[in-house]
Amino acid sequence: MYDAIIFDNDGVLVSLVEFAVLERAAREAFVDCGVDDPREDHVDAMTLGVTPESLTRVADAYGFDAETFFAARDRIASRAQQAEIRAGRKALYDDFDAVRSLDHPLGIVSSNQQETVDFVLSHFGVTDLFETAYGREPIPESVTRKKPSTYYVDRALADLDADHALFVGDSDTDVLAAHNAGLDSAFIRREHRAEYPLDVDPTYEIETLAGLLDIDGVSVRDPAPGGSTPEGGADA
């Protein structure tokens, strides 16, 4: 029996935003730091998949302080995603109720900003479903700590007092992070991952969150009187 279940957030619990939203946020971060016309390849490098090397390269090109620029980049990207959530364009997936059926301590480990993760949980009133939730701090060091590193996974396991957890994700980096931490993994092949080639084999592959309920070692809550599943203390 698993002693906890940990989820990636974007693409697993909540839908993704359009790439253009993050690209505009990256461009705005340059403007915030005094550069109105950054090179397109620099904008691309700061939109997704930021690495220490790409951050240093961009900061040196414009004479930025890397910490100041990265903080602006994360702040603006998070606020852009929050606007998408308020507008209804980034939402919990329709199968999210399966999470309420799980009889396990639950956690989240995301490569998105901590501010974004916290807003998702608060906005949708599901904070109390999760005993712990980690995103990245708005500091350059956080890009070396994100998955497939186990840095945040290890912290979540400690919070949950778990050592035999199941990690649920939608990418190679999620599966690798799970394996690096010695955990089983469940890869969820949503529509945006229909043709996604996995370079590492997950323990399980599912199509929806409801597929978790059929995995050996996953415990499901007993239905509440009347046949419905209890909602597990979500915020009002």
Protein backbone atom coordinates (compact mmCIF):
# COMPACT_ATOMS: atom_id res chain seq x y z
CA MET A 1 0.00 0.00 0.00
CA TYR A 2 1.35 3.44 -0.93
CA ASP A 3 1.77 5.73 2.06
CA ALA A 4 1.23 8.94 0.04
CA ILE A 5 0.48 10.19 -3.46
CA ILE A 6 2.34 13.18 -4.90
CA PHE A 7 1.18 15.03 -8.01
CA ASP A 8 2.73 17.29 -10.56
CA ASN A 9 0.38 20.25 -11.00
CA ASP A 10 0.23 21.67 -14.54
CA GLY A 11 -1.05 19.17 -17.08
CA VAL A 12 -2.04 16.77 -14.30
CA LEU A 13 -4.39 18.53 -11.87
CA VAL A 14 -4.85 21.81 -13.72
CA SER A 15 -4.81 22.64 -17.42
CA LEU A 16 -1.92 24.35 -19.16
CA VAL A 17 -1.79 27.93 -20.38
CA GLU A 18 -1.07 28.86 -23.97
CA PHE A 19 2.62 29.25 -24.77
CA ALA A 20 1.90 32.81 -25.92
CA VAL A 21 0.88 33.77 -22.36
CA LEU A 22 4.28 32.78 -20.98
CA GLU A 23 6.09 34.32 -23.93
CA ARG A 24 4.40 37.69 -23.32
CA ALA A 25 5.30 37.43 -19.64
CA ALA A 26 8.96 36.78 -20.48
CA ARG A 27 8.98 39.75 -22.84
CA GLU A 28 7.42 41.93 -20.15
CA ALA A 29 10.17 40.88 -17.74
CA PHE A 30 12.76 42.28 -20.14
CA VAL A 31 10.82 45.55 -20.32
CA ASP A 32 10.57 45.60 -16.53
CA CYS A 33 14.37 45.47 -16.44
CA GLY A 34 14.78 48.25 -19.02
CA VAL A 35 15.07 46.31 -22.30
CA ASP A 36 12.25 47.11 -24.74
CA ASP A 37 13.49 45.07 -27.71
CA PRO A 38 15.19 41.86 -26.55
CA ARG A 39 16.45 39.27 -29.02
CA GLU A 40 13.83 36.66 -29.90
CA ASP A 41 16.08 33.76 -28.96
CA HIS A 42 16.61 35.36 -25.56
CA VAL A 43 12.85 35.69 -25.07
CA ASP A 44 12.42 32.05 -26.04
CA ALA A 45 15.13 30.97 -23.59
CA MET A 46 13.39 32.79 -20.73
CA THR A 47 9.88 31.58 -21.60
CA LEU A 48 10.22 27.87 -20.75
CA GLY A 49 12.99 25.56 -19.65
CA VAL A 50 15.26 28.19 -18.13
CA THR A 51 18.67 26.78 -17.20
CA PRO A 52 21.46 28.36 -15.15
CA GLU A 53 23.48 28.67 -18.35
CA SER A 54 20.75 30.38 -20.35
CA LEU A 55 19.97 32.74 -17.48
CA THR A 56 23.63 33.71 -17.13
CA ARG A 57 23.95 34.20 -20.89
CA VAL A 58 20.91 36.48 -21.07
CA ALA A 59 21.84 38.44 -17.96
CA ASP A 60 25.36 39.04 -19.26
CA ALA A 61 24.05 40.11 -22.68
CA TYR A 62 22.06 43.00 -21.18
CA GLY A 63 24.03 43.70 -18.03
CA PHE A 64 21.23 42.42 -15.81
CA ASP A 65 21.61 41.24 -12.27
CA ALA A 66 20.50 37.63 -12.76
CA GLU A 67 18.61 37.45 -9.45
CA THR A 68 16.70 40.66 -10.14
CA PHE A 69 15.76 39.63 -13.66
CA PHE A 70 14.74 36.11 -12.65
CA ALA A 71 12.57 37.41 -9.81
CA ALA A 72 10.82 39.73 -12.29
CA ARG A 73 10.42 36.90 -14.77
CA ASP A 74 8.79 34.60 -12.20
CA ARG A 75 6.61 37.34 -10.69
CA ILE A 76 5.23 38.40 -14.06
CA ALA A 77 4.75 34.82 -15.29
CA SER A 78 2.84 33.92 -12.13
CA ARG A 79 0.56 36.94 -12.39
CA ALA A 80 -0.13 36.13 -16.05
CA GLN A 81 -1.16 32.60 -15.09
CA GLN A 82 -3.33 33.89 -12.27
CA ALA A 83 -5.14 36.11 -14.79
CA GLU A 84 -5.75 33.06 -17.00
CA ILE A 85 -7.20 31.22 -13.99
CA ARG A 86 -9.53 34.10 -13.12
CA ALA A 87 -10.66 34.23 -16.75
CA GLY A 88 -11.46 30.50 -16.73
CA ARG A 89 -8.83 29.56 -19.30
CA LYS A 90 -6.74 27.56 -16.81
CA ALA A 91 -8.85 25.28 -14.64
CA LEU A 92 -8.96 22.01 -12.75
CA TYR A 93 -9.45 19.05 -15.06
CA ASP A 94 -12.90 17.49 -15.18
CA ASP A 95 -11.57 14.31 -13.57
CA PHE A 96 -10.19 16.15 -10.50
CA ASP A 97 -12.89 14.64 -8.28
CA ALA A 98 -10.95 11.37 -8.41
CA VAL A 99 -8.39 13.08 -6.16
CA ARG A 100 -11.08 13.51 -3.50
CA SER A 101 -11.63 9.75 -3.54
CA LEU A 102 -8.03 8.91 -2.62
CA ASP A 103 -7.52 7.73 0.95
CA HIS A 104 -3.89 8.84 1.22
CA PRO A 105 -1.93 11.86 2.38
CA LEU A 106 -1.53 13.98 -0.76
CA GLY A 107 1.15 16.38 -1.95
CA ILE A 108 2.14 18.45 -4.98
CA VAL A 109 5.58 19.01 -6.48
CA SER A 110 5.56 21.46 -9.39
CA SER A 111 8.23 23.15 -11.48
CA ASN A 112 5.99 26.20 -11.67
CA GLN A 113 6.31 29.09 -9.22
CA GLN A 114 5.26 28.56 -5.60
CA GLU A 115 3.07 31.65 -5.94
CA THR A 116 1.26 30.04 -8.88
CA VAL A 117 0.74 26.71 -7.10
CA ASP A 118 -0.61 28.47 -4.00
CA PHE A 119 -3.00 30.55 -6.12
CA VAL A 120 -4.33 27.48 -7.96
CA LEU A 121 -5.15 25.72 -4.70
CA SER A 122 -6.69 28.79 -3.09
CA HIS A 123 -8.71 29.88 -6.14
CA PHE A 124 -10.29 26.46 -6.61
CA GLY A 125 -10.81 25.88 -2.89
CA VAL A 126 -8.76 22.68 -2.70
CA THR A 127 -5.90 23.73 -0.44
CA ASP A 128 -7.03 21.45 2.38
CA LEU A 129 -6.90 18.36 0.16
CA PHE A 130 -3.10 18.52 0.11
CA GLU A 131 -0.87 18.27 3.15
CA THR A 132 2.05 19.86 1.31
CA ALA A 133 2.60 21.65 -1.99
CA TYR A 134 5.91 22.78 -3.47
CA GLY A 135 6.68 25.05 -6.36
CA ARG A 136 9.86 26.95 -7.14
CA GLU A 137 11.14 29.95 -5.22
CA PRO A 138 11.73 33.03 -7.43
CA ILE A 139 15.50 32.62 -7.25
CA PRO A 140 17.97 31.35 -9.88
CA GLU A 141 18.94 28.38 -7.72
CA SER A 142 15.43 26.99 -8.06
CA VAL A 143 16.01 25.99 -11.70
CA THR A 144 18.60 23.45 -10.54
CA ARG A 145 16.19 22.10 -7.93
CA LYS A 146 13.26 21.39 -10.24
CA LYS A 147 12.49 17.93 -11.56
CA PRO A 148 14.17 15.58 -12.42
CA SER A 149 16.08 16.68 -9.32
CA THR A 150 14.53 15.19 -6.19
CA TYR A 151 15.01 18.38 -4.14
CA TYR A 152 11.32 19.28 -3.82
CA VAL A 153 10.18 15.64 -3.97
CA ASP A 154 12.37 14.85 -0.96
CA ARG A 155 10.94 17.81 0.94
CA ALA A 156 7.40 16.67 0.17
CA LEU A 157 8.18 13.12 1.30
CA ALA A 158 9.54 14.46 4.58
CA ASP A 159 6.43 16.58 5.13
CA LEU A 160 4.20 13.58 4.42
CA ASP A 161 6.37 11.24 6.53
CA ALA A 162 6.33 8.89 3.53
CA ASP A 163 8.88 6.61 1.94
CA HIS A 164 6.69 4.52 -0.40
CA ALA A 165 4.78 7.18 -2.33
CA LEU A 166 3.36 7.17 -5.85
CA PHE A 167 4.28 10.15 -8.06
CA VAL A 168 1.79 11.20 -10.75
CA GLY A 169 3.08 13.31 -13.65
CA ASP A 170 2.84 14.04 -17.36
CA SER A 171 6.46 14.29 -18.49
CA ASP A 172 9.79 12.50 -18.65
CA THR A 173 11.10 14.78 -15.93
CA ASP A 174 8.28 13.71 -13.60
CA VAL A 175 8.95 10.03 -14.20
CA LEU A 176 12.70 10.55 -13.79
CA ALA A 177 12.22 12.52 -10.57
CA ALA A 178 10.11 9.69 -9.19
CA HIS A 179 12.65 7.07 -10.16
CA ASN A 180 15.54 9.18 -8.82
CA ALA A 181 13.70 9.36 -5.49
CA GLY A 182 13.06 5.60 -5.47
CA LEU A 183 9.31 6.02 -6.04
CA ASP A 184 6.80 4.36 -8.36
CA SER A 185 5.41 6.65 -11.06
CA ALA A 186 2.10 7.02 -12.88
CA PHE A 187 2.29 8.82 -16.23
CA ILE A 188 -1.01 10.45 -17.22
CA ARG A 189 -1.37 10.61 -20.99
CA ARG A 190 -3.76 13.50 -21.42
CA GLU A 191 -4.67 14.91 -24.82
CA HIS A 192 -1.68 17.25 -24.87
CA ARG A 193 0.56 14.18 -24.39
CA ALA A 194 -1.14 11.97 -26.97
CA GLU A 195 1.99 11.61 -29.10
CA TYR A 196 4.52 12.31 -26.36
CA PRO A 197 7.46 9.87 -26.52
CA LEU A 198 8.65 8.72 -23.11
CA ASP A 199 12.39 8.14 -22.75
CA VAL A 200 11.92 6.37 -19.41
CA ASP A 201 9.29 3.79 -18.52
CA PRO A 202 6.78 4.74 -15.81
CA THR A 203 5.48 2.15 -13.38
CA TYR A 204 1.95 2.78 -14.64
CA GLU A 205 0.36 4.68 -17.50
CA ILE A 206 -3.16 6.10 -17.12
CA GLU A 207 -5.43 8.24 -19.29
CA THR A 208 -7.26 10.12 -16.53
CA LEU A 209 -6.94 10.70 -12.81
CA ALA A 210 -9.73 8.14 -12.34
CA GLY A 211 -7.21 5.55 -13.52
CA LEU A 212 -5.41 5.95 -10.21
CA LEU A 213 -8.33 4.29 -8.45
CA ASP A 214 -7.58 1.01 -10.22
CA ILE A 215 -3.89 0.82 -9.29
CA ASP A 216 -2.87 -1.82 -6.78
CA GLY A 217 -1.69 -0.13 -3.62
CA VAL A 218 -3.97 2.90 -4.05
CA SER A 219 -6.61 3.13 -1.33
CA VAL A 220 -10.02 4.62 -2.12
CA ARG A 221 -12.35 6.22 0.39
CA ASP A 222 -15.63 4.46 1.16
CA PRO A 223 -18.59 6.22 -0.48
CA ALA A 224 -20.46 8.58 1.78
CA PRO A 225 -24.07 7.73 2.71
CA GLY A 226 -26.24 8.21 -0.34
CA GLY A 227 -23.57 6.91 -2.72
CA SER A 228 -21.50 10.06 -3.19
CA THR A 229 -17.82 10.43 -2.47
CA PRO A 230 -16.92 12.78 0.43
CA GLU A 231 -15.30 16.02 -0.61
CA GLY A 232 -12.47 15.79 1.87
CA GLY A 233 -12.37 19.21 3.53
CA ALA A 234 -11.99 21.53 0.54
CA ASP A 235 -12.18 25.23 1.34
CA ALA A 236 -15.62 26.82 1.09
